[in-house]
Amino acid sequence: MRVLVLPFIALFAFAAQAQTMSLDAPEYAKHFCVKQGDVQNLVVPSVRAVIRKAYTTQVLLDVLDADCKGHKVMPKSSNRFSKPSLMDFSEVRAIAASPRIFRANEFSYQVVLEFYSDVLAMGERNFLLKLYAHDGSVYQITVTTRDGGTFLQAY
């Protein structure tokens, strides 16, 4: 009887947690829009998580894609980004898999980058992530891994 009850309780705990997740715009986007007013094509990357496995390390990035109208964050009306590309600036091959992108909610995308863990441990590595938009524009994000951390610079 206990074996059946514990998974049942765990299922409700996960369901309750999923229901409390906000689908609203992130606080930093709201703060930016209040200060800046009207802005078109606000694209802001951030590191969501770094997952270390035995042979590979996954870096999960959140990419906010919205507009600011009337000091409020407004979602884009459609999926703007197509398949991303990732380039290694060093001679060492650290990329384990092609980057993947999917729409997380109406305000953001999630990008999954996968690298070989042993190569990342050798020192600082720099990568160029390109997000191609359907309107022809290209968003470039420099991804730097150093000392177990991941840093971003968008341009």
N, C-alpha and C. Protein backbone atom coordinates (compact mmCIF):
# COMPACT_ATOMS: atom_id res chain seq x y z
N MET A 1 0.82 -1.20 0.00
CA MET A 1 0.00 0.00 0.00
C MET A 1 0.86 1.26 0.00
N ARG A 2 1.95 1.26 0.78
CA ARG A 2 2.82 2.43 0.84
C ARG A 2 3.46 2.72 -0.51
N VAL A 3 3.77 1.67 -1.24
CA VAL A 3 4.42 1.83 -2.53
C VAL A 3 3.52 2.60 -3.49
N LEU A 4 2.23 2.37 -3.43
CA LEU A 4 1.30 3.06 -4.30
C LEU A 4 1.01 4.49 -3.84
N VAL A 5 1.01 4.72 -2.55
CA VAL A 5 0.66 6.03 -2.01
C VAL A 5 1.77 7.06 -2.26
N LEU A 6 3.03 6.69 -2.07
CA LEU A 6 4.12 7.64 -2.22
C LEU A 6 4.23 8.21 -3.63
N PRO A 7 4.18 7.39 -4.69
CA PRO A 7 4.22 8.00 -6.03
C PRO A 7 3.00 8.88 -6.29
N PHE A 8 1.86 8.52 -5.73
CA PHE A 8 0.64 9.31 -5.90
C PHE A 8 0.80 10.68 -5.25
N ILE A 9 1.39 10.72 -4.05
CA ILE A 9 1.62 11.99 -3.35
C ILE A 9 2.65 12.82 -4.12
N ALA A 10 3.71 12.17 -4.61
CA ALA A 10 4.73 12.89 -5.37
C ALA A 10 4.15 13.49 -6.64
N LEU A 11 3.22 12.78 -7.27
CA LEU A 11 2.59 13.29 -8.48
C LEU A 11 1.82 14.57 -8.19
N PHE A 12 1.08 14.61 -7.09
CA PHE A 12 0.35 15.82 -6.72
C PHE A 12 1.30 16.96 -6.35
N ALA A 13 2.42 16.65 -5.72
CA ALA A 13 3.39 17.69 -5.36
C ALA A 13 3.96 18.34 -6.62
N PHE A 14 4.32 17.53 -7.63
CA PHE A 14 4.83 18.08 -8.88
C PHE A 14 3.76 18.85 -9.63
N ALA A 15 2.53 18.36 -9.62
CA ALA A 15 1.43 19.05 -10.31
C ALA A 15 1.17 20.41 -9.66
N ALA A 16 1.21 20.47 -8.34
CA ALA A 16 0.99 21.74 -7.65
C ALA A 16 2.11 22.73 -7.97
N GLN A 17 3.34 22.22 -8.05
CA GLN A 17 4.45 23.09 -8.38
C GLN A 17 4.32 23.62 -9.80
N ALA A 18 3.91 22.79 -10.72
CA ALA A 18 3.76 23.21 -12.11
C ALA A 18 2.65 24.24 -12.25
N GLN A 19 1.61 24.15 -11.47
CA GLN A 19 0.51 25.09 -11.56
C GLN A 19 0.89 26.47 -11.05
N THR A 20 1.86 26.55 -10.14
CA THR A 20 2.24 27.85 -9.59
C THR A 20 3.29 28.56 -10.43
N MET A 21 3.77 27.93 -11.48
CA MET A 21 4.77 28.57 -12.35
C MET A 21 4.13 29.73 -13.11
N SER A 22 4.82 30.85 -13.13
CA SER A 22 4.30 32.03 -13.80
C SER A 22 4.62 32.01 -15.28
N LEU A 23 3.65 32.34 -16.08
CA LEU A 23 3.86 32.48 -17.52
C LEU A 23 3.98 33.95 -17.89
N ASP A 24 4.13 34.79 -16.89
CA ASP A 24 4.25 36.23 -17.08
C ASP A 24 5.68 36.57 -17.51
N ALA A 25 5.88 37.79 -17.97
CA ALA A 25 7.21 38.25 -18.36
C ALA A 25 8.12 38.31 -17.14
N PRO A 26 9.42 38.08 -17.34
CA PRO A 26 10.36 38.16 -16.21
C PRO A 26 10.40 39.57 -15.61
N GLU A 27 10.75 39.64 -14.34
CA GLU A 27 10.78 40.93 -13.64
C GLU A 27 11.77 41.90 -14.27
N TYR A 28 12.94 41.41 -14.71
CA TYR A 28 13.92 42.32 -15.30
C TYR A 28 13.38 42.96 -16.58
N ALA A 29 12.55 42.24 -17.33
CA ALA A 29 11.95 42.80 -18.55
C ALA A 29 10.94 43.88 -18.19
N LYS A 30 10.14 43.63 -17.17
CA LYS A 30 9.17 44.63 -16.72
C LYS A 30 9.89 45.90 -16.26
N HIS A 31 10.96 45.72 -15.50
CA HIS A 31 11.73 46.86 -15.00
C HIS A 31 12.34 47.65 -16.17
N PHE A 32 12.88 46.95 -17.15
CA PHE A 32 13.47 47.60 -18.32
C PHE A 32 12.43 48.40 -19.08
N CYS A 33 11.25 47.81 -19.30
CA CYS A 33 10.21 48.49 -20.08
C CYS A 33 9.65 49.71 -19.35
N VAL A 34 9.57 49.64 -18.03
CA VAL A 34 9.10 50.80 -17.26
C VAL A 34 10.08 51.96 -17.43
N LYS A 35 11.38 51.66 -17.43
CA LYS A 35 12.40 52.72 -17.56
C LYS A 35 12.55 53.22 -18.99
N GLN A 36 12.48 52.33 -19.99
CA GLN A 36 12.80 52.69 -21.37
C GLN A 36 11.60 53.14 -22.19
N GLY A 37 10.41 52.73 -21.82
CA GLY A 37 9.24 53.08 -22.62
C GLY A 37 9.05 52.13 -23.78
N ASP A 38 8.90 52.66 -24.99
CA ASP A 38 8.65 51.82 -26.16
C ASP A 38 9.96 51.37 -26.81
N VAL A 39 10.12 50.06 -26.92
CA VAL A 39 11.30 49.45 -27.53
C VAL A 39 10.84 48.28 -28.38
N GLN A 40 11.33 48.23 -29.61
CA GLN A 40 11.02 47.10 -30.50
C GLN A 40 12.13 46.06 -30.39
N ASN A 41 11.75 44.80 -30.53
CA ASN A 41 12.71 43.69 -30.59
C ASN A 41 13.67 43.64 -29.41
N LEU A 42 13.12 43.54 -28.23
CA LEU A 42 13.92 43.38 -27.02
C LEU A 42 14.33 41.91 -26.92
N VAL A 43 15.62 41.62 -27.11
CA VAL A 43 16.14 40.26 -27.03
C VAL A 43 17.20 40.23 -25.94
N VAL A 44 16.93 39.48 -24.85
CA VAL A 44 17.83 39.45 -23.70
C VAL A 44 18.10 37.99 -23.33
N PRO A 45 19.37 37.53 -23.46
CA PRO A 45 19.70 36.16 -23.06
C PRO A 45 20.09 36.10 -21.59
N SER A 46 19.85 34.97 -20.96
CA SER A 46 20.30 34.73 -19.59
C SER A 46 20.54 33.23 -19.41
N VAL A 47 21.42 32.89 -18.47
CA VAL A 47 21.72 31.49 -18.20
C VAL A 47 20.68 30.96 -17.23
N ARG A 48 20.00 29.90 -17.63
CA ARG A 48 19.00 29.27 -16.77
C ARG A 48 19.63 28.21 -15.90
N ALA A 49 20.47 27.36 -16.49
CA ALA A 49 21.08 26.27 -15.73
C ALA A 49 22.28 25.72 -16.47
N VAL A 50 23.18 25.12 -15.69
CA VAL A 50 24.30 24.36 -16.23
C VAL A 50 24.19 22.97 -15.63
N ILE A 51 24.05 21.97 -16.49
CA ILE A 51 23.84 20.59 -16.05
C ILE A 51 25.07 19.78 -16.45
N ARG A 52 25.81 19.31 -15.45
CA ARG A 52 27.00 18.51 -15.72
C ARG A 52 26.65 17.04 -15.65
N LYS A 53 26.98 16.32 -16.71
CA LYS A 53 26.79 14.87 -16.75
C LYS A 53 28.18 14.24 -16.81
N ALA A 54 28.23 12.93 -16.95
CA ALA A 54 29.51 12.22 -16.95
C ALA A 54 30.43 12.69 -18.08
N TYR A 55 29.91 12.80 -19.29
CA TYR A 55 30.74 13.14 -20.44
C TYR A 55 30.39 14.47 -21.10
N THR A 56 29.20 14.97 -20.85
CA THR A 56 28.78 16.22 -21.48
C THR A 56 28.25 17.19 -20.44
N THR A 57 28.26 18.46 -20.81
CA THR A 57 27.70 19.53 -19.98
C THR A 57 26.68 20.27 -20.83
N GLN A 58 25.47 20.40 -20.30
CA GLN A 58 24.43 21.16 -20.99
C GLN A 58 24.32 22.55 -20.37
N VAL A 59 24.23 23.55 -21.23
CA VAL A 59 23.97 24.92 -20.79
C VAL A 59 22.61 25.30 -21.33
N LEU A 60 21.69 25.64 -20.43
CA LEU A 60 20.34 26.05 -20.81
C LEU A 60 20.26 27.57 -20.73
N LEU A 61 19.91 28.18 -21.84
CA LEU A 61 19.78 29.63 -21.91
C LEU A 61 18.32 30.00 -22.10
N ASP A 62 17.88 31.04 -21.41
CA ASP A 62 16.59 31.65 -21.67
C ASP A 62 16.84 32.88 -22.53
N VAL A 63 16.06 33.03 -23.59
CA VAL A 63 16.19 34.20 -24.45
C VAL A 63 14.84 34.90 -24.49
N LEU A 64 14.77 36.06 -23.83
CA LEU A 64 13.55 36.87 -23.84
C LEU A 64 13.40 37.48 -25.22
N ASP A 65 12.21 37.40 -25.79
CA ASP A 65 11.92 37.99 -27.10
C ASP A 65 10.58 38.70 -26.98
N ALA A 66 10.63 40.02 -26.87
CA ALA A 66 9.40 40.78 -26.65
C ALA A 66 9.57 42.21 -27.16
N ASP A 67 8.51 42.97 -27.05
CA ASP A 67 8.52 44.41 -27.33
C ASP A 67 8.06 45.12 -26.07
N CYS A 68 8.46 46.38 -25.93
CA CYS A 68 7.96 47.23 -24.85
C CYS A 68 7.01 48.24 -25.48
N LYS A 69 5.77 48.23 -25.05
CA LYS A 69 4.78 49.19 -25.55
C LYS A 69 4.04 49.77 -24.36
N GLY A 70 4.03 51.08 -24.26
CA GLY A 70 3.34 51.72 -23.15
C GLY A 70 3.88 51.29 -21.81
N HIS A 71 5.20 51.15 -21.71
CA HIS A 71 5.88 50.75 -20.48
C HIS A 71 5.49 49.35 -20.02
N LYS A 72 4.98 48.51 -20.92
CA LYS A 72 4.62 47.13 -20.58
C LYS A 72 5.30 46.17 -21.54
N VAL A 73 5.58 44.97 -21.06
CA VAL A 73 6.20 43.94 -21.88
C VAL A 73 5.11 43.27 -22.71
N MET A 74 5.31 43.26 -24.02
CA MET A 74 4.35 42.65 -24.93
C MET A 74 5.03 41.49 -25.66
N PRO A 75 4.42 40.31 -25.67
CA PRO A 75 5.04 39.17 -26.35
C PRO A 75 5.01 39.34 -27.86
N LYS A 76 5.92 38.66 -28.53
CA LYS A 76 5.90 38.63 -30.00
C LYS A 76 4.75 37.74 -30.43
N SER A 77 4.20 38.03 -31.59
CA SER A 77 3.00 37.31 -32.03
C SER A 77 3.29 35.93 -32.60
N SER A 78 4.54 35.66 -32.98
CA SER A 78 4.82 34.36 -33.58
C SER A 78 6.23 33.90 -33.22
N ASN A 79 6.53 32.67 -33.58
CA ASN A 79 7.89 32.16 -33.40
C ASN A 79 8.81 32.89 -34.37
N ARG A 80 9.79 33.61 -33.83
CA ARG A 80 10.67 34.40 -34.70
C ARG A 80 11.95 33.69 -35.06
N PHE A 81 12.42 32.79 -34.22
CA PHE A 81 13.74 32.21 -34.43
C PHE A 81 13.66 30.84 -35.07
N SER A 82 14.59 30.62 -35.98
CA SER A 82 14.72 29.29 -36.58
C SER A 82 15.94 28.61 -35.97
N LYS A 83 16.40 27.56 -36.58
CA LYS A 83 17.50 26.76 -36.04
C LYS A 83 18.73 27.62 -35.75
N PRO A 84 19.26 27.57 -34.52
CA PRO A 84 20.45 28.34 -34.17
C PRO A 84 21.72 27.64 -34.65
N SER A 85 22.82 28.39 -34.67
CA SER A 85 24.12 27.79 -34.98
C SER A 85 25.10 28.15 -33.87
N LEU A 86 26.08 27.29 -33.65
CA LEU A 86 27.07 27.49 -32.59
C LEU A 86 28.45 27.25 -33.18
N MET A 87 29.36 28.19 -32.92
CA MET A 87 30.72 28.08 -33.44
C MET A 87 31.71 28.16 -32.28
N ASP A 88 32.72 27.32 -32.33
CA ASP A 88 33.77 27.29 -31.31
C ASP A 88 34.91 28.19 -31.77
N PHE A 89 35.32 29.16 -30.92
CA PHE A 89 36.41 30.06 -31.28
C PHE A 89 37.79 29.41 -31.16
N SER A 90 37.88 28.31 -30.43
CA SER A 90 39.18 27.67 -30.23
C SER A 90 39.38 26.53 -31.22
N GLU A 91 40.59 26.02 -31.26
CA GLU A 91 40.92 24.91 -32.15
C GLU A 91 40.40 23.58 -31.60
N VAL A 92 40.12 23.53 -30.31
CA VAL A 92 39.66 22.30 -29.66
C VAL A 92 38.17 22.12 -29.93
N ARG A 93 37.78 20.92 -30.23
CA ARG A 93 36.36 20.65 -30.50
C ARG A 93 35.64 20.36 -29.18
N ALA A 94 34.86 21.34 -28.74
CA ALA A 94 34.16 21.21 -27.46
C ALA A 94 32.67 21.01 -27.63
N ILE A 95 32.13 21.25 -28.81
CA ILE A 95 30.69 21.16 -29.03
C ILE A 95 30.29 19.70 -29.22
N ALA A 96 29.41 19.21 -28.36
CA ALA A 96 29.00 17.80 -28.40
C ALA A 96 27.78 17.58 -29.29
N ALA A 97 26.94 18.58 -29.45
CA ALA A 97 25.71 18.43 -30.25
C ALA A 97 25.30 19.78 -30.81
N SER A 98 24.49 19.76 -31.84
CA SER A 98 23.97 21.00 -32.41
C SER A 98 23.04 21.67 -31.40
N PRO A 99 23.04 23.00 -31.35
CA PRO A 99 22.14 23.68 -30.41
C PRO A 99 20.68 23.48 -30.81
N ARG A 100 19.83 23.45 -29.80
CA ARG A 100 18.39 23.29 -30.02
C ARG A 100 17.67 24.48 -29.40
N ILE A 101 16.59 24.90 -30.04
CA ILE A 101 15.81 26.03 -29.53
C ILE A 101 14.33 25.67 -29.58
N PHE A 102 13.60 26.07 -28.55
CA PHE A 102 12.15 25.89 -28.56
C PHE A 102 11.51 27.01 -27.75
N ARG A 103 10.27 27.24 -28.03
CA ARG A 103 9.51 28.31 -27.36
C ARG A 103 9.12 27.82 -25.97
N ALA A 104 9.56 28.51 -24.93
CA ALA A 104 9.25 28.12 -23.55
C ALA A 104 7.89 28.66 -23.11
N ASN A 105 7.61 29.91 -23.45
CA ASN A 105 6.31 30.52 -23.20
C ASN A 105 6.16 31.67 -24.18
N GLU A 106 5.15 32.50 -24.01
CA GLU A 106 4.91 33.55 -25.00
C GLU A 106 5.97 34.65 -24.98
N PHE A 107 6.81 34.70 -23.95
CA PHE A 107 7.83 35.74 -23.83
C PHE A 107 9.24 35.25 -24.13
N SER A 108 9.48 33.96 -24.07
CA SER A 108 10.87 33.53 -24.17
C SER A 108 11.04 32.18 -24.85
N TYR A 109 12.27 31.97 -25.27
CA TYR A 109 12.72 30.72 -25.86
C TYR A 109 13.72 30.08 -24.91
N GLN A 110 13.93 28.80 -25.06
CA GLN A 110 14.99 28.13 -24.34
C GLN A 110 15.93 27.51 -25.37
N VAL A 111 17.22 27.77 -25.19
CA VAL A 111 18.26 27.24 -26.07
C VAL A 111 19.07 26.24 -25.26
N VAL A 112 19.29 25.06 -25.84
CA VAL A 112 20.07 24.01 -25.18
C VAL A 112 21.38 23.86 -25.94
N LEU A 113 22.48 24.10 -25.22
CA LEU A 113 23.83 23.93 -25.78
C LEU A 113 24.46 22.74 -25.07
N GLU A 114 25.18 21.91 -25.82
CA GLU A 114 25.80 20.73 -25.21
C GLU A 114 27.28 20.67 -25.60
N PHE A 115 28.13 20.54 -24.56
CA PHE A 115 29.58 20.54 -24.74
C PHE A 115 30.18 19.29 -24.10
N TYR A 116 31.40 18.94 -24.52
CA TYR A 116 32.13 17.86 -23.86
C TYR A 116 32.71 18.39 -22.55
N SER A 117 32.40 17.71 -21.45
CA SER A 117 32.81 18.17 -20.12
C SER A 117 34.32 18.25 -19.95
N ASP A 118 35.05 17.26 -20.47
CA ASP A 118 36.50 17.25 -20.28
C ASP A 118 37.17 18.42 -21.00
N VAL A 119 36.65 18.84 -22.13
CA VAL A 119 37.22 19.98 -22.86
C VAL A 119 36.92 21.29 -22.12
N LEU A 120 35.73 21.42 -21.57
CA LEU A 120 35.40 22.64 -20.81
C LEU A 120 36.27 22.77 -19.57
N ALA A 121 36.65 21.63 -18.98
CA ALA A 121 37.46 21.66 -17.76
C ALA A 121 38.90 22.10 -18.02
N MET A 122 39.32 22.12 -19.28
CA MET A 122 40.70 22.47 -19.62
C MET A 122 40.97 23.97 -19.50
N GLY A 123 39.96 24.79 -19.42
CA GLY A 123 40.17 26.23 -19.30
C GLY A 123 39.03 27.01 -19.91
N GLU A 124 39.24 28.31 -20.06
CA GLU A 124 38.20 29.17 -20.61
C GLU A 124 37.96 28.86 -22.08
N ARG A 125 36.68 28.78 -22.45
CA ARG A 125 36.29 28.51 -23.84
C ARG A 125 35.27 29.57 -24.26
N ASN A 126 35.37 30.01 -25.52
CA ASN A 126 34.45 31.00 -26.07
C ASN A 126 33.74 30.42 -27.28
N PHE A 127 32.44 30.67 -27.34
CA PHE A 127 31.61 30.17 -28.43
C PHE A 127 30.74 31.31 -28.94
N LEU A 128 30.35 31.23 -30.20
CA LEU A 128 29.45 32.23 -30.79
C LEU A 128 28.15 31.53 -31.15
N LEU A 129 27.07 31.94 -30.50
CA LEU A 129 25.74 31.42 -30.78
C LEU A 129 25.02 32.44 -31.65
N LYS A 130 24.51 31.98 -32.78
CA LYS A 130 23.75 32.86 -33.67
C LYS A 130 22.30 32.39 -33.71
N LEU A 131 21.39 33.33 -33.48
CA LEU A 131 19.96 33.07 -33.58
C LEU A 131 19.45 33.80 -34.82
N TYR A 132 18.97 33.04 -35.77
CA TYR A 132 18.48 33.61 -37.03
C TYR A 132 16.98 33.85 -36.92
N ALA A 133 16.57 35.10 -37.15
CA ALA A 133 15.15 35.45 -37.10
C ALA A 133 14.55 35.32 -38.49
N HIS A 134 13.25 35.09 -38.55
CA HIS A 134 12.56 34.92 -39.82
C HIS A 134 12.54 36.21 -40.66
N ASP A 135 12.75 37.36 -40.01
CA ASP A 135 12.78 38.62 -40.76
C ASP A 135 14.15 38.92 -41.37
N GLY A 136 15.10 38.00 -41.22
CA GLY A 136 16.43 38.17 -41.80
C GLY A 136 17.48 38.68 -40.83
N SER A 137 17.08 39.13 -39.66
CA SER A 137 18.06 39.63 -38.70
C SER A 137 18.73 38.46 -37.98
N VAL A 138 19.94 38.72 -37.48
CA VAL A 138 20.72 37.71 -36.78
C VAL A 138 21.12 38.28 -35.42
N TYR A 139 20.85 37.54 -34.36
CA TYR A 139 21.24 37.93 -33.01
C TYR A 139 22.42 37.06 -32.62
N GLN A 140 23.52 37.70 -32.19
CA GLN A 140 24.74 36.98 -31.85
C GLN A 140 24.99 37.07 -30.35
N ILE A 141 25.28 35.93 -29.75
CA ILE A 141 25.53 35.86 -28.32
C ILE A 141 26.86 35.15 -28.12
N THR A 142 27.79 35.80 -27.42
CA THR A 142 29.05 35.16 -27.08
C THR A 142 28.85 34.41 -25.77
N VAL A 143 29.13 33.12 -25.79
CA VAL A 143 28.99 32.27 -24.61
C VAL A 143 30.40 31.92 -24.15
N THR A 144 30.73 32.28 -22.91
CA THR A 144 32.05 32.00 -22.34
C THR A 144 31.88 31.07 -21.16
N THR A 145 32.62 29.97 -21.16
CA THR A 145 32.61 29.05 -20.01
C THR A 145 33.97 29.16 -19.33
N ARG A 146 33.92 29.34 -18.00
CA ARG A 146 35.15 29.51 -17.23
C ARG A 146 34.89 29.08 -15.79
N ASP A 147 35.77 28.27 -15.25
CA ASP A 147 35.71 27.86 -13.84
C ASP A 147 34.33 27.35 -13.43
N GLY A 148 33.70 26.60 -14.29
CA GLY A 148 32.39 26.03 -13.98
C GLY A 148 31.24 26.99 -14.17
N GLY A 149 31.51 28.23 -14.57
CA GLY A 149 30.44 29.20 -14.80
C GLY A 149 30.26 29.49 -16.27
N THR A 150 29.13 30.06 -16.61
CA THR A 150 28.84 30.43 -18.00
C THR A 150 28.45 31.90 -18.02
N PHE A 151 29.06 32.65 -18.95
CA PHE A 151 28.83 34.08 -19.05
C PHE A 151 28.37 34.41 -20.46
N LEU A 152 27.51 35.41 -20.60
CA LEU A 152 26.95 35.77 -21.89
C LEU A 152 27.23 37.22 -22.22
N GLN A 153 27.40 37.47 -23.52
CA GLN A 153 27.48 38.84 -24.02
C GLN A 153 26.72 38.87 -25.33
N ALA A 154 25.67 39.66 -25.41
CA ALA A 154 24.83 39.71 -26.61
C ALA A 154 25.15 40.96 -27.41
N TYR A 155 25.10 40.81 -28.73
CA TYR A 155 25.26 41.97 -29.62
C TYR A 155 24.57 41.70 -30.93
